[in-house]
Amino acid sequence: MSRYEGELLLPDGQPIVKPADPHNCFFPTGWNEPYSHAAVATLLLDETGKIAAVVSRHPDEPAEGGKKCLPGGYVELGQTLLEAAETETLQETGHSIVPGTLRSFAILDGPVSLPGRRNEHDLNIVMVFSARAGKKVQEHDDEVTGMSWIDRDAMPPKEHIAFGHYAIMGMWFRHLEQPFENLPIFPSGMPADRLLPAGWLD
């Protein structure tokens, strides 16, 4: 996997991303402003394509600890989006992805009032993928305490699911019922009645 291996410090020795200001981006010109960061989430599906994997976040995790979510995380410096999705899925579920099945599904941006943006306080831009689960090849990492498979008829309460992923799963189930014409979808530009099954967020 290719990664950026250059110097991660500014010329004056300061880190590119300061611990006290983690969402600012620093450039050689001296530009220092807060920008959205890239993150990924993956709808990891069983062989039917209808049951998705969720992981249980460790209770000590600072963001949404103890809740369930789709496997995912930040895109590291030098990673591609596909590499990040594959890596986060493997690390958090232990499952590989069947080659050729990783597909873009949605790009989430915009304010927290939009579906899929609940608790997105850092206003990350999230690329959502779908993929077919391959073999379990390792144990999950210590960010999670376990993995389970859920379908539409056995969804946990939405308050038990982190990061607005409840809405993302609703978008997927809506897609299974009435496929979106063009993928990836941009939920920020679509009305809720086209995004989600009726009553999904009620």
Protein backbone atom coordinates (compact mmCIF):
# COMPACT_ATOMS: atom_id res chain seq x y z
CA MET A 1 0.00 0.00 0.00
CA SER A 2 1.41 3.39 -0.94
CA ARG A 3 1.70 6.00 1.78
CA TYR A 4 3.16 9.48 1.94
CA GLU A 5 6.63 9.04 3.42
CA GLY A 6 7.88 12.63 3.32
CA GLU A 7 8.60 14.91 6.24
CA LEU A 8 5.54 15.53 8.42
CA LEU A 9 6.93 18.75 9.89
CA LEU A 10 6.87 22.33 8.72
CA PRO A 11 10.23 23.96 7.91
CA ASP A 12 10.32 25.49 11.40
CA GLY A 13 9.96 22.05 12.99
CA GLN A 14 6.30 22.39 13.92
CA PRO A 15 3.99 19.45 13.07
CA ILE A 16 1.87 19.79 9.94
CA VAL A 17 -1.20 19.06 12.04
CA LYS A 18 -0.93 20.54 15.52
CA PRO A 19 -2.35 18.41 18.35
CA ALA A 20 -4.15 21.45 19.78
CA ASP A 21 -5.75 22.29 16.44
CA PRO A 22 -6.26 18.90 14.76
CA HIS A 23 -8.53 19.98 11.94
CA ASN A 24 -6.44 22.80 10.57
CA CYS A 25 -4.49 22.21 7.37
CA PHE A 26 -1.06 23.73 6.94
CA PHE A 27 0.53 24.59 3.59
CA PRO A 28 4.05 25.78 2.63
CA THR A 29 2.62 29.20 1.80
CA GLY A 30 1.74 29.64 5.46
CA TRP A 31 -1.99 29.13 4.87
CA ASN A 32 -3.45 27.67 8.04
CA GLU A 33 -7.20 27.16 8.01
CA PRO A 34 -9.72 24.53 9.14
CA TYR A 35 -10.84 22.32 6.28
CA SER A 36 -13.03 19.25 5.97
CA HIS A 37 -11.08 16.02 6.23
CA ALA A 38 -11.75 12.85 4.26
CA ALA A 39 -13.22 9.74 5.88
CA VAL A 40 -14.62 6.46 4.59
CA ALA A 41 -17.38 4.09 5.68
CA THR A 42 -18.16 0.71 4.12
CA LEU A 43 -21.41 -1.19 3.82
CA LEU A 44 -19.85 -4.64 4.08
CA LEU A 45 -22.45 -7.06 2.78
CA ASP A 46 -22.99 -10.78 3.08
CA GLU A 47 -23.47 -13.02 0.04
CA THR A 48 -27.10 -11.90 -0.34
CA GLY A 49 -26.15 -8.23 -0.50
CA LYS A 50 -28.89 -7.44 2.00
CA ILE A 51 -27.26 -7.93 5.40
CA ALA A 52 -24.54 -5.50 6.46
CA ALA A 53 -21.77 -5.69 9.03
CA VAL A 54 -21.63 -3.29 11.95
CA VAL A 55 -18.88 -3.05 14.52
CA SER A 56 -19.24 -2.19 18.19
CA ARG A 57 -16.97 0.70 19.14
CA HIS A 58 -14.91 0.22 22.26
CA PRO A 59 -16.54 2.04 25.21
CA ASP A 60 -13.33 4.02 25.74
CA GLU A 61 -13.35 5.50 22.24
CA PRO A 62 -13.66 9.30 22.59
CA ALA A 63 -16.27 9.64 19.84
CA GLU A 64 -19.47 7.60 20.20
CA GLY A 65 -17.83 4.95 22.38
CA GLY A 66 -19.92 1.84 22.93
CA LYS A 67 -22.15 2.41 19.91
CA LYS A 68 -22.40 0.42 16.69
CA CYS A 69 -21.25 1.80 13.35
CA LEU A 70 -20.17 0.82 9.86
CA PRO A 71 -16.49 -0.02 9.54
CA GLY A 72 -14.55 3.06 8.51
CA GLY A 73 -12.30 5.89 9.55
CA TYR A 74 -10.06 8.69 8.37
CA VAL A 75 -8.13 8.57 5.10
CA GLU A 76 -4.49 8.68 6.09
CA LEU A 77 -1.99 10.90 4.34
CA GLY A 78 -0.93 9.17 1.14
CA GLN A 79 -3.80 6.64 1.07
CA THR A 80 -6.32 6.43 -1.72
CA LEU A 81 -10.00 6.25 -0.81
CA LEU A 82 -10.15 2.61 -1.91
CA GLU A 83 -7.11 1.70 0.16
CA ALA A 84 -8.60 3.42 3.20
CA ALA A 85 -11.91 1.58 2.81
CA GLU A 86 -10.19 -1.79 2.43
CA THR A 87 -7.81 -1.17 5.34
CA GLU A 88 -10.46 0.08 7.78
CA THR A 89 -12.79 -2.78 6.88
CA LEU A 90 -10.08 -5.38 7.43
CA GLN A 91 -8.87 -3.82 10.68
CA GLU A 92 -12.32 -3.43 12.22
CA THR A 93 -14.07 -6.59 11.00
CA GLY A 94 -11.23 -9.00 10.24
CA HIS A 95 -12.84 -9.70 6.85
CA SER A 96 -11.23 -9.19 3.49
CA ILE A 97 -13.24 -7.68 0.65
CA VAL A 98 -14.06 -9.84 -2.37
CA PRO A 99 -11.94 -8.43 -5.20
CA GLY A 100 -13.85 -6.30 -7.64
CA THR A 101 -16.86 -5.69 -5.36
CA LEU A 102 -15.81 -2.40 -3.72
CA ARG A 103 -18.11 0.26 -5.19
CA SER A 104 -18.79 3.91 -4.37
CA PHE A 105 -22.28 4.44 -2.98
CA ALA A 106 -22.56 7.96 -1.51
CA ILE A 107 -20.58 11.10 -0.77
CA LEU A 108 -21.74 12.82 2.40
CA ASP A 109 -21.07 16.50 2.90
CA GLY A 110 -22.86 19.55 4.25
CA PRO A 111 -24.32 20.58 7.60
CA VAL A 112 -25.30 18.24 10.42
CA SER A 113 -29.01 18.86 9.73
CA LEU A 114 -28.83 16.59 6.66
CA PRO A 115 -29.45 12.82 6.70
CA GLY A 116 -26.27 10.90 7.40
CA ARG A 117 -24.59 13.88 9.08
CA ARG A 118 -25.76 13.31 12.65
CA ASN A 119 -22.92 13.90 15.13
CA GLU A 120 -20.58 14.91 12.31
CA HIS A 121 -19.22 17.75 14.42
CA ASP A 122 -15.93 17.91 12.50
CA LEU A 123 -17.77 18.21 9.16
CA ASN A 124 -15.67 15.49 7.54
CA ILE A 125 -16.50 14.55 3.97
CA VAL A 126 -17.39 10.87 4.05
CA MET A 127 -17.12 8.55 1.06
CA VAL A 128 -19.44 5.57 1.57
CA PHE A 129 -18.65 2.33 -0.24
CA SER A 130 -20.45 -0.99 -0.59
CA ALA A 131 -18.53 -4.25 -0.81
CA ARG A 132 -19.02 -7.99 -0.54
CA ALA A 133 -17.43 -9.62 2.49
CA GLY A 134 -14.69 -12.15 1.83
CA LYS A 135 -13.15 -14.58 4.28
CA LYS A 136 -12.35 -13.64 7.84
CA VAL A 137 -8.57 -13.53 7.76
CA GLN A 138 -7.72 -11.91 11.12
CA GLU A 139 -9.19 -10.68 14.36
CA HIS A 140 -10.56 -7.14 14.64
CA ASP A 141 -8.39 -4.42 16.17
CA ASP A 142 -8.80 -2.95 19.64
CA GLU A 143 -10.90 0.03 18.50
CA VAL A 144 -13.89 -2.29 18.43
CA THR A 145 -15.18 -5.02 20.72
CA GLY A 146 -16.91 -7.13 18.10
CA MET A 147 -18.79 -7.34 14.82
CA SER A 148 -22.32 -8.43 13.98
CA TRP A 149 -24.53 -8.75 10.90
CA ILE A 150 -27.84 -6.91 10.77
CA ASP A 151 -30.64 -6.56 8.27
CA ARG A 152 -33.53 -4.18 7.93
CA ASP A 153 -35.83 -6.31 10.07
CA ALA A 154 -33.39 -6.37 13.01
CA MET A 155 -31.99 -2.85 13.14
CA PRO A 156 -30.85 -1.59 16.54
CA PRO A 157 -32.50 1.65 17.74
CA LYS A 158 -31.03 4.60 15.89
CA GLU A 159 -29.69 6.10 19.11
CA HIS A 160 -27.45 3.02 19.45
CA ILE A 161 -25.77 3.67 16.09
CA ALA A 162 -22.99 6.24 15.78
CA PHE A 163 -22.15 9.00 13.31
CA GLY A 164 -25.41 9.06 11.37
CA HIS A 165 -24.73 5.56 10.07
CA TYR A 166 -28.35 4.64 10.79
CA ALA A 167 -29.33 7.01 7.98
CA ILE A 168 -26.64 5.61 5.69
CA MET A 169 -28.04 2.13 6.19
CA GLY A 170 -31.50 3.47 5.44
CA MET A 171 -30.16 4.88 2.16
CA TRP A 172 -28.81 1.43 1.30
CA PHE A 173 -32.12 -0.31 2.06
CA ARG A 174 -33.89 2.35 -0.03
CA HIS A 175 -31.46 1.57 -2.86
CA LEU A 176 -32.32 -2.13 -2.62
CA GLU A 177 -36.02 -1.27 -2.96
CA GLN A 178 -35.68 1.39 -5.64
CA PRO A 179 -32.14 1.62 -7.04
CA PHE A 180 -30.68 5.09 -7.37
CA GLU A 181 -30.04 5.83 -11.03
CA ASN A 182 -26.57 7.26 -10.61
CA LEU A 183 -23.97 6.29 -8.02
CA PRO A 184 -22.45 7.69 -5.95
CA ILE A 185 -25.39 9.69 -4.65
CA PHE A 186 -24.96 13.11 -3.04
CA PRO A 187 -27.51 13.14 -0.19
CA SER A 188 -26.91 16.87 0.42
CA GLY A 189 -28.69 17.58 -2.85
CA MET A 190 -31.55 15.11 -2.51
CA PRO A 191 -34.87 15.31 -0.62
CA ALA A 192 -35.33 12.86 2.25
CA ASP A 193 -38.28 11.15 0.55
CA ARG A 194 -35.92 10.06 -2.25
CA LEU A 195 -33.15 9.02 0.12
CA LEU A 196 -34.75 6.91 2.81
CA PRO A 197 -37.54 4.40 3.34
CA ALA A 198 -40.72 6.02 4.65
CA GLY A 199 -40.48 6.88 8.34
CA TRP A 200 -36.84 5.77 8.64
CA LEU A 201 -35.72 8.70 10.78
CA ASP A 202 -39.02 9.25 12.65
